[in-house]
Amino acid sequence: MRFEDLNWTDVESYLQSDDRLMLVLGACEQHASLSLLSDVHIPLALADAASQQTGVLVAPPLNFGSSPYFLAYPGTLSLRISTLLDVVEDLVRSAYGHGFRRILVLNGHGGNDGARARLYETANSLPDLHIAWYAWWVSHSVEAVAVKHGLKPSHASWLENFSFTRVGDTPEGSKQAPRVPGLMNAHQARQVYGDGSFGGPYRAAQAVMDEVFQAALDDVLQLLKFE
């Protein structure tokens, strides 16, 4: 159940019986042959699936994150980290003002991790606010699936190649992981990463991807209990 399918009185009615909300943080950045919004599509798909089972509301996703290292790839639109932190805090404060007290942040992009620290500070100033943070690609559950199948997670590789993130033909085989010299500017990053993948197989079997998604969904459903 998404905000976009409701009006304000629907949300007011929802808050009479539930104070939970899912907030998706994503990014608009290169993902090799995959969608520029892969970091939005994946956590939003998890949120929608969890909402279908629980009825918890899903706020509109934040489609932009902090991706300064990919700015040499056309299509990447990046927020300054200071802007991102302020935006995330403002969204949470807005939700809190309406009566949401249990907020699950589904983060789809590693560059947004700084927002987690800001939310610790925000929680200190908002009584009774409970925030959970979930980054699906680094969860132990997803890692277990990868280990089971002998696969290594990496950016724009098999791990993010779902049916709903594909927008073109996926390359065959695997890519050798590039040597990363350290912190790089955007132009250096493009030279090092080439097509944008960080290495490994470009694609995994559908059964593997179904396992990954289910493992992450189980995590989300557990977190929504706010135990």
C-alpha atoms as a PDB file:
ATOM      1  CA  MET A   1       0.000   0.000   0.000  1.00  0.00           C
ATOM      2  CA  ARG A   2       1.714   3.137  -1.252  1.00  0.00           C
ATOM      3  CA  PHE A   3       1.091   6.782  -0.472  1.00  0.00           C
ATOM      4  CA  GLU A   4       0.474   7.428  -4.166  1.00  0.00           C
ATOM      5  CA  ASP A   5      -2.634   5.239  -4.046  1.00  0.00           C
ATOM      6  CA  LEU A   6      -4.128   7.104  -1.080  1.00  0.00           C
ATOM      7  CA  ASN A   7      -5.361  10.540  -0.128  1.00  0.00           C
ATOM      8  CA  TRP A   8      -4.595  12.336   3.116  1.00  0.00           C
ATOM      9  CA  THR A   9      -7.703  11.110   4.895  1.00  0.00           C
ATOM     10  CA  ASP A  10      -6.720   7.523   4.081  1.00  0.00           C
ATOM     11  CA  VAL A  11      -3.399   8.070   5.835  1.00  0.00           C
ATOM     12  CA  GLU A  12      -5.147   9.675   8.791  1.00  0.00           C
ATOM     13  CA  SER A  13      -7.411   6.640   9.067  1.00  0.00           C
ATOM     14  CA  TYR A  14      -4.424   4.283   8.814  1.00  0.00           C
ATOM     15  CA  LEU A  15      -2.723   6.059  11.703  1.00  0.00           C
ATOM     16  CA  GLN A  16      -5.654   5.322  13.965  1.00  0.00           C
ATOM     17  CA  SER A  17      -4.628   1.661  14.024  1.00  0.00           C
ATOM     18  CA  ASP A  18      -0.965   1.506  12.918  1.00  0.00           C
ATOM     19  CA  ASP A  19       2.045   3.790  13.305  1.00  0.00           C
ATOM     20  CA  ARG A  20       4.481   1.906  11.057  1.00  0.00           C
ATOM     21  CA  LEU A  21       5.960   3.235   7.831  1.00  0.00           C
ATOM     22  CA  MET A  22       8.489   1.993   5.286  1.00  0.00           C
ATOM     23  CA  LEU A  23      10.798   4.593   3.742  1.00  0.00           C
ATOM     24  CA  VAL A  24      12.921   3.610   0.738  1.00  0.00           C
ATOM     25  CA  LEU A  25      16.253   5.358   0.123  1.00  0.00           C
ATOM     26  CA  GLY A  26      17.809   4.772  -3.276  1.00  0.00           C
ATOM     27  CA  ALA A  27      20.006   6.380  -5.899  1.00  0.00           C
ATOM     28  CA  CYS A  28      20.083   7.291  -9.556  1.00  0.00           C
ATOM     29  CA  GLU A  29      23.438   5.963 -10.694  1.00  0.00           C
ATOM     30  CA  GLN A  30      25.151   3.702 -13.188  1.00  0.00           C
ATOM     31  CA  HIS A  31      24.670  -0.030 -12.776  1.00  0.00           C
ATOM     32  CA  ALA A  32      26.446  -1.267 -15.918  1.00  0.00           C
ATOM     33  CA  SER A  33      23.708  -2.705 -18.178  1.00  0.00           C
ATOM     34  CA  LEU A  34      21.080  -2.549 -15.423  1.00  0.00           C
ATOM     35  CA  SER A  35      18.646   0.251 -14.652  1.00  0.00           C
ATOM     36  CA  LEU A  36      19.984   3.537 -13.343  1.00  0.00           C
ATOM     37  CA  LEU A  37      17.361   3.180 -10.619  1.00  0.00           C
ATOM     38  CA  SER A  38      18.330  -0.332  -9.527  1.00  0.00           C
ATOM     39  CA  ASP A  39      18.999   0.978  -6.024  1.00  0.00           C
ATOM     40  CA  VAL A  40      15.388   2.159  -5.889  1.00  0.00           C
ATOM     41  CA  HIS A  41      13.678  -0.742  -7.647  1.00  0.00           C
ATOM     42  CA  ILE A  42      15.085  -3.447  -5.369  1.00  0.00           C
ATOM     43  CA  PRO A  43      14.208  -2.016  -1.931  1.00  0.00           C
ATOM     44  CA  LEU A  44      10.877  -0.759  -3.284  1.00  0.00           C
ATOM     45  CA  ALA A  45      10.031  -4.256  -4.529  1.00  0.00           C
ATOM     46  CA  LEU A  46      10.826  -5.565  -1.044  1.00  0.00           C
ATOM     47  CA  ALA A  47       8.676  -2.867   0.535  1.00  0.00           C
ATOM     48  CA  ASP A  48       5.742  -3.621  -1.762  1.00  0.00           C
ATOM     49  CA  ALA A  49       6.004  -7.351  -1.086  1.00  0.00           C
ATOM     50  CA  ALA A  50       6.158  -6.761   2.662  1.00  0.00           C
ATOM     51  CA  SER A  51       3.244  -4.339   2.501  1.00  0.00           C
ATOM     52  CA  GLN A  52       1.105  -6.915   0.742  1.00  0.00           C
ATOM     53  CA  GLN A  53       1.622  -9.264   3.677  1.00  0.00           C
ATOM     54  CA  THR A  54       1.394  -6.753   6.517  1.00  0.00           C
ATOM     55  CA  GLY A  55      -0.547  -3.727   5.278  1.00  0.00           C
ATOM     56  CA  VAL A  56       2.261  -1.388   6.370  1.00  0.00           C
ATOM     57  CA  LEU A  57       2.340   1.842   4.394  1.00  0.00           C
ATOM     58  CA  VAL A  58       5.136   2.580   1.919  1.00  0.00           C
ATOM     59  CA  ALA A  59       6.234   6.205   1.537  1.00  0.00           C
ATOM     60  CA  PRO A  60       7.370   7.482  -1.891  1.00  0.00           C
ATOM     61  CA  PRO A  61      10.997   6.441  -2.453  1.00  0.00           C
ATOM     62  CA  LEU A  62      13.857   8.905  -2.440  1.00  0.00           C
ATOM     63  CA  ASN A  63      15.138   8.367  -5.986  1.00  0.00           C
ATOM     64  CA  PHE A  64      18.412  10.230  -5.491  1.00  0.00           C
ATOM     65  CA  GLY A  65      21.322   9.459  -3.199  1.00  0.00           C
ATOM     66  CA  SER A  66      24.980  10.326  -2.797  1.00  0.00           C
ATOM     67  CA  SER A  67      26.974   8.946  -5.755  1.00  0.00           C
ATOM     68  CA  PRO A  68      29.819  11.422  -6.422  1.00  0.00           C
ATOM     69  CA  TYR A  69      32.199   8.671  -7.570  1.00  0.00           C
ATOM     70  CA  PHE A  70      29.952   7.781 -10.539  1.00  0.00           C
ATOM     71  CA  LEU A  71      29.359  11.284 -11.884  1.00  0.00           C
ATOM     72  CA  ALA A  72      31.479  10.581 -14.981  1.00  0.00           C
ATOM     73  CA  TYR A  73      28.812   8.083 -16.058  1.00  0.00           C
ATOM     74  CA  PRO A  74      25.952   9.909 -17.827  1.00  0.00           C
ATOM     75  CA  GLY A  75      22.640   9.438 -16.046  1.00  0.00           C
ATOM     76  CA  THR A  76      24.086   9.476 -12.546  1.00  0.00           C
ATOM     77  CA  LEU A  77      22.424  12.257 -10.538  1.00  0.00           C
ATOM     78  CA  SER A  78      23.987  12.744  -7.122  1.00  0.00           C
ATOM     79  CA  LEU A  79      23.113  14.686  -3.997  1.00  0.00           C
ATOM     80  CA  ARG A  80      25.775  16.188  -1.787  1.00  0.00           C
ATOM     81  CA  ILE A  81      25.989  14.118   1.369  1.00  0.00           C
ATOM     82  CA  SER A  82      24.970  17.155   3.437  1.00  0.00           C
ATOM     83  CA  THR A  83      21.849  17.557   1.285  1.00  0.00           C
ATOM     84  CA  LEU A  84      20.988  13.872   1.596  1.00  0.00           C
ATOM     85  CA  LEU A  85      21.285  13.912   5.389  1.00  0.00           C
ATOM     86  CA  ASP A  86      19.013  16.941   5.642  1.00  0.00           C
ATOM     87  CA  VAL A  87      16.436  15.443   3.271  1.00  0.00           C
ATOM     88  CA  VAL A  88      16.269  12.137   5.147  1.00  0.00           C
ATOM     89  CA  GLU A  89      15.952  13.895   8.494  1.00  0.00           C
ATOM     90  CA  ASP A  90      13.212  16.166   7.122  1.00  0.00           C
ATOM     91  CA  LEU A  91      11.252  13.184   5.780  1.00  0.00           C
ATOM     92  CA  VAL A  92      11.458  11.354   9.099  1.00  0.00           C
ATOM     93  CA  ARG A  93      10.478  14.461  11.048  1.00  0.00           C
ATOM     94  CA  SER A  94       7.500  14.988   8.728  1.00  0.00           C
ATOM     95  CA  ALA A  95       6.350  11.405   9.242  1.00  0.00           C
ATOM     96  CA  TYR A  96       6.812  11.707  13.005  1.00  0.00           C
ATOM     97  CA  GLY A  97       4.717  14.874  13.034  1.00  0.00           C
ATOM     98  CA  HIS A  98       1.792  12.958  11.554  1.00  0.00           C
ATOM     99  CA  GLY A  99       2.021  10.209  14.168  1.00  0.00           C
ATOM    100  CA  PHE A 100       4.310   7.582  12.622  1.00  0.00           C
ATOM    101  CA  ARG A 101       6.416   6.185  15.426  1.00  0.00           C
ATOM    102  CA  ARG A 102       7.930   3.030  13.926  1.00  0.00           C
ATOM    103  CA  ILE A 103       9.828   3.661  10.705  1.00  0.00           C
ATOM    104  CA  LEU A 104      11.729   1.051   8.738  1.00  0.00           C
ATOM    105  CA  VAL A 105      14.268   2.604   6.380  1.00  0.00           C
ATOM    106  CA  LEU A 106      15.014   0.316   3.442  1.00  0.00           C
ATOM    107  CA  ASN A 107      18.277   1.601   2.040  1.00  0.00           C
ATOM    108  CA  GLY A 108      19.269   0.463  -1.437  1.00  0.00           C
ATOM    109  CA  HIS A 109      22.559   2.338  -1.838  1.00  0.00           C
ATOM    110  CA  GLY A 110      25.827   2.187   0.077  1.00  0.00           C
ATOM    111  CA  GLY A 111      26.554   5.860  -0.517  1.00  0.00           C
ATOM    112  CA  ASN A 112      23.578   6.707   1.689  1.00  0.00           C
ATOM    113  CA  ASP A 113      25.041   5.117   4.810  1.00  0.00           C
ATOM    114  CA  GLY A 114      25.793   8.502   6.341  1.00  0.00           C
ATOM    115  CA  ALA A 115      22.067   9.053   6.777  1.00  0.00           C
ATOM    116  CA  ARG A 116      22.020   6.267   9.328  1.00  0.00           C
ATOM    117  CA  ALA A 117      24.288   8.248  11.648  1.00  0.00           C
ATOM    118  CA  ARG A 118      22.100  11.324  11.224  1.00  0.00           C
ATOM    119  CA  LEU A 119      19.032   9.303  12.169  1.00  0.00           C
ATOM    120  CA  TYR A 120      20.671   8.279  15.448  1.00  0.00           C
ATOM    121  CA  GLU A 121      20.894  11.983  16.264  1.00  0.00           C
ATOM    122  CA  THR A 122      17.331  12.591  15.101  1.00  0.00           C
ATOM    123  CA  ALA A 123      15.965   9.776  17.248  1.00  0.00           C
ATOM    124  CA  ASN A 124      17.495  11.403  20.326  1.00  0.00           C
ATOM    125  CA  SER A 125      15.284  14.451  19.839  1.00  0.00           C
ATOM    126  CA  LEU A 126      12.016  12.681  18.965  1.00  0.00           C
ATOM    127  CA  PRO A 127      10.458  10.810  21.926  1.00  0.00           C
ATOM    128  CA  ASP A 128       9.029   7.352  21.227  1.00  0.00           C
ATOM    129  CA  LEU A 129      10.480   7.202  17.719  1.00  0.00           C
ATOM    130  CA  HIS A 130      11.727   3.758  16.727  1.00  0.00           C
ATOM    131  CA  ILE A 131      13.811   3.474  13.551  1.00  0.00           C
ATOM    132  CA  ALA A 132      15.090   0.298  11.937  1.00  0.00           C
ATOM    133  CA  TRP A 133      17.626   0.397   9.098  1.00  0.00           C
ATOM    134  CA  TYR A 134      17.991  -2.355   6.511  1.00  0.00           C
ATOM    135  CA  ALA A 135      20.508  -2.613   3.665  1.00  0.00           C
ATOM    136  CA  TRP A 136      19.532  -5.794   1.875  1.00  0.00           C
ATOM    137  CA  TRP A 137      22.779  -6.500  -0.006  1.00  0.00           C
ATOM    138  CA  VAL A 138      24.893  -6.712   3.160  1.00  0.00           C
ATOM    139  CA  SER A 139      22.451  -8.713   5.256  1.00  0.00           C
ATOM    140  CA  HIS A 140      23.623 -12.022   6.698  1.00  0.00           C
ATOM    141  CA  SER A 141      20.635 -13.746   5.095  1.00  0.00           C
ATOM    142  CA  VAL A 142      21.552 -12.613   1.597  1.00  0.00           C
ATOM    143  CA  GLU A 143      25.223 -13.367   2.236  1.00  0.00           C
ATOM    144  CA  ALA A 144      24.263 -16.921   3.183  1.00  0.00           C
ATOM    145  CA  VAL A 145      22.528 -17.399  -0.174  1.00  0.00           C
ATOM    146  CA  ALA A 146      25.589 -16.083  -2.007  1.00  0.00           C
ATOM    147  CA  VAL A 147      27.927 -18.383  -0.077  1.00  0.00           C
ATOM    148  CA  LYS A 148      25.634 -21.340  -0.674  1.00  0.00           C
ATOM    149  CA  HIS A 149      25.948 -20.857  -4.433  1.00  0.00           C
ATOM    150  CA  GLY A 150      29.613 -19.881  -4.459  1.00  0.00           C
ATOM    151  CA  LEU A 151      28.919 -16.320  -5.557  1.00  0.00           C
ATOM    152  CA  LYS A 152      30.513 -13.079  -4.408  1.00  0.00           C
ATOM    153  CA  PRO A 153      28.323  -9.973  -4.137  1.00  0.00           C
ATOM    154  CA  SER A 154      29.461  -6.819  -5.916  1.00  0.00           C
ATOM    155  CA  HIS A 155      28.029  -3.676  -7.471  1.00  0.00           C
ATOM    156  CA  ALA A 156      26.157  -4.089 -10.781  1.00  0.00           C
ATOM    157  CA  SER A 157      26.854  -7.814 -10.874  1.00  0.00           C
ATOM    158  CA  TRP A 158      24.559 -10.839 -10.601  1.00  0.00           C
ATOM    159  CA  LEU A 159      23.428  -9.671  -7.162  1.00  0.00           C
ATOM    160  CA  GLU A 160      21.427  -6.765  -8.560  1.00  0.00           C
ATOM    161  CA  ASN A 161      20.346  -8.453 -11.777  1.00  0.00           C
ATOM    162  CA  PHE A 162      16.653  -9.046 -11.111  1.00  0.00           C
ATOM    163  CA  SER A 163      13.986  -9.204 -13.794  1.00  0.00           C
ATOM    164  CA  PHE A 164      12.782  -5.750 -12.685  1.00  0.00           C
ATOM    165  CA  THR A 165      16.244  -4.114 -12.884  1.00  0.00           C
ATOM    166  CA  ARG A 166      17.056  -5.259 -16.436  1.00  0.00           C
ATOM    167  CA  VAL A 167      16.633  -2.640 -19.133  1.00  0.00           C
ATOM    168  CA  GLY A 168      18.864  -4.155 -21.810  1.00  0.00           C
ATOM    169  CA  ASP A 169      20.895  -7.196 -22.702  1.00  0.00           C
ATOM    170  CA  THR A 170      23.056  -8.533 -19.885  1.00  0.00           C
ATOM    171  CA  PRO A 171      26.641  -9.431 -20.833  1.00  0.00           C
ATOM    172  CA  GLU A 172      27.532 -13.098 -20.780  1.00  0.00           C
ATOM    173  CA  GLY A 173      30.003 -14.647 -18.360  1.00  0.00           C
ATOM    174  CA  SER A 174      31.962 -12.883 -15.671  1.00  0.00           C
ATOM    175  CA  LYS A 175      34.122  -9.813 -15.322  1.00  0.00           C
ATOM    176  CA  GLN A 176      37.498  -9.784 -13.622  1.00  0.00           C
ATOM    177  CA  ALA A 177      37.321  -7.545 -10.577  1.00  0.00           C
ATOM    178  CA  PRO A 178      39.394  -4.422 -11.306  1.00  0.00           C
ATOM    179  CA  ARG A 179      42.281  -3.286  -9.144  1.00  0.00           C
ATOM    180  CA  VAL A 180      41.109  -0.311  -7.107  1.00  0.00           C
ATOM    181  CA  PRO A 181      43.994   2.025  -6.126  1.00  0.00           C
ATOM    182  CA  GLY A 182      42.057   3.733  -3.341  1.00  0.00           C
ATOM    183  CA  LEU A 183      39.778   6.732  -3.147  1.00  0.00           C
ATOM    184  CA  MET A 184      39.200   7.940  -6.705  1.00  0.00           C
ATOM    185  CA  ASN A 185      37.542  10.887  -8.356  1.00  0.00           C
ATOM    186  CA  ALA A 186      34.706  10.266 -10.806  1.00  0.00           C
ATOM    187  CA  HIS A 187      36.876  10.213 -13.937  1.00  0.00           C
ATOM    188  CA  GLN A 188      39.363   7.812 -12.369  1.00  0.00           C
ATOM    189  CA  ALA A 189      36.493   5.586 -11.261  1.00  0.00           C
ATOM    190  CA  ARG A 190      35.181   5.347 -14.807  1.00  0.00           C
ATOM    191  CA  GLN A 191      38.630   4.370 -16.079  1.00  0.00           C
ATOM    192  CA  VAL A 192      38.956   1.682 -13.415  1.00  0.00           C
ATOM    193  CA  TYR A 193      35.433   0.240 -13.533  1.00  0.00           C
ATOM    194  CA  GLY A 194      34.848   0.523 -17.275  1.00  0.00           C
ATOM    195  CA  ASP A 195      31.295  -0.706 -17.895  1.00  0.00           C
ATOM    196  CA  GLY A 196      30.464  -0.022 -14.242  1.00  0.00           C
ATOM    197  CA  SER A 197      30.367  -3.543 -12.813  1.00  0.00           C
ATOM    198  CA  PHE A 198      32.702  -4.227  -9.910  1.00  0.00           C
ATOM    199  CA  GLY A 199      33.320  -7.750 -11.163  1.00  0.00           C
ATOM    200  CA  GLY A 200      32.053 -11.305 -10.942  1.00  0.00           C
ATOM    201  CA  PRO A 201      29.235 -13.025 -12.866  1.00  0.00           C
ATOM    202  CA  TYR A 202      26.847 -10.666 -14.586  1.00  0.00           C
ATOM    203  CA  ARG A 203      23.912 -12.959 -13.990  1.00  0.00           C
ATOM    204  CA  ALA A 204      22.765 -15.820 -11.754  1.00  0.00           C
ATOM    205  CA  ALA A 205      20.040 -18.397 -12.249  1.00  0.00           C
ATOM    206  CA  GLN A 206      16.488 -17.244 -11.580  1.00  0.00           C
ATOM    207  CA  ALA A 207      16.206 -19.726  -8.712  1.00  0.00           C
ATOM    208  CA  VAL A 208      19.172 -18.066  -7.007  1.00  0.00           C
ATOM    209  CA  MET A 209      17.650 -14.617  -7.402  1.00  0.00           C
ATOM    210  CA  ASP A 210      14.367 -15.879  -5.991  1.00  0.00           C
ATOM    211  CA  GLU A 211      16.280 -17.127  -2.939  1.00  0.00           C
ATOM    212  CA  VAL A 212      18.009 -13.776  -2.537  1.00  0.00           C
ATOM    213  CA  PHE A 213      14.744 -11.863  -2.719  1.00  0.00           C
ATOM    214  CA  GLN A 214      12.970 -14.195  -0.298  1.00  0.00           C
ATOM    215  CA  ALA A 215      15.847 -14.014   2.179  1.00  0.00           C
ATOM    216  CA  ALA A 216      15.726 -10.216   2.124  1.00  0.00           C
ATOM    217  CA  LEU A 217      11.929 -10.177   2.339  1.00  0.00           C
ATOM    218  CA  ASP A 218      12.012 -12.429   5.393  1.00  0.00           C
ATOM    219  CA  ASP A 219      14.390  -9.938   7.011  1.00  0.00           C
ATOM    220  CA  VAL A 220      12.045  -7.045   6.257  1.00  0.00           C
ATOM    221  CA  LEU A 221       9.021  -8.872   7.646  1.00  0.00           C
ATOM    222  CA  GLN A 222      10.927  -9.612  10.842  1.00  0.00           C
ATOM    223  CA  LEU A 223      12.041  -5.988  11.229  1.00  0.00           C
ATOM    224  CA  LEU A 224       8.490  -4.748  10.775  1.00  0.00           C
ATOM    225  CA  LYS A 225       7.608  -6.472  14.038  1.00  0.00           C
ATOM    226  CA  PHE A 226       9.826  -3.896  15.821  1.00  0.00           C
ATOM    227  CA  GLU A 227      10.558  -6.350  18.596  1.00  0.00           C
END
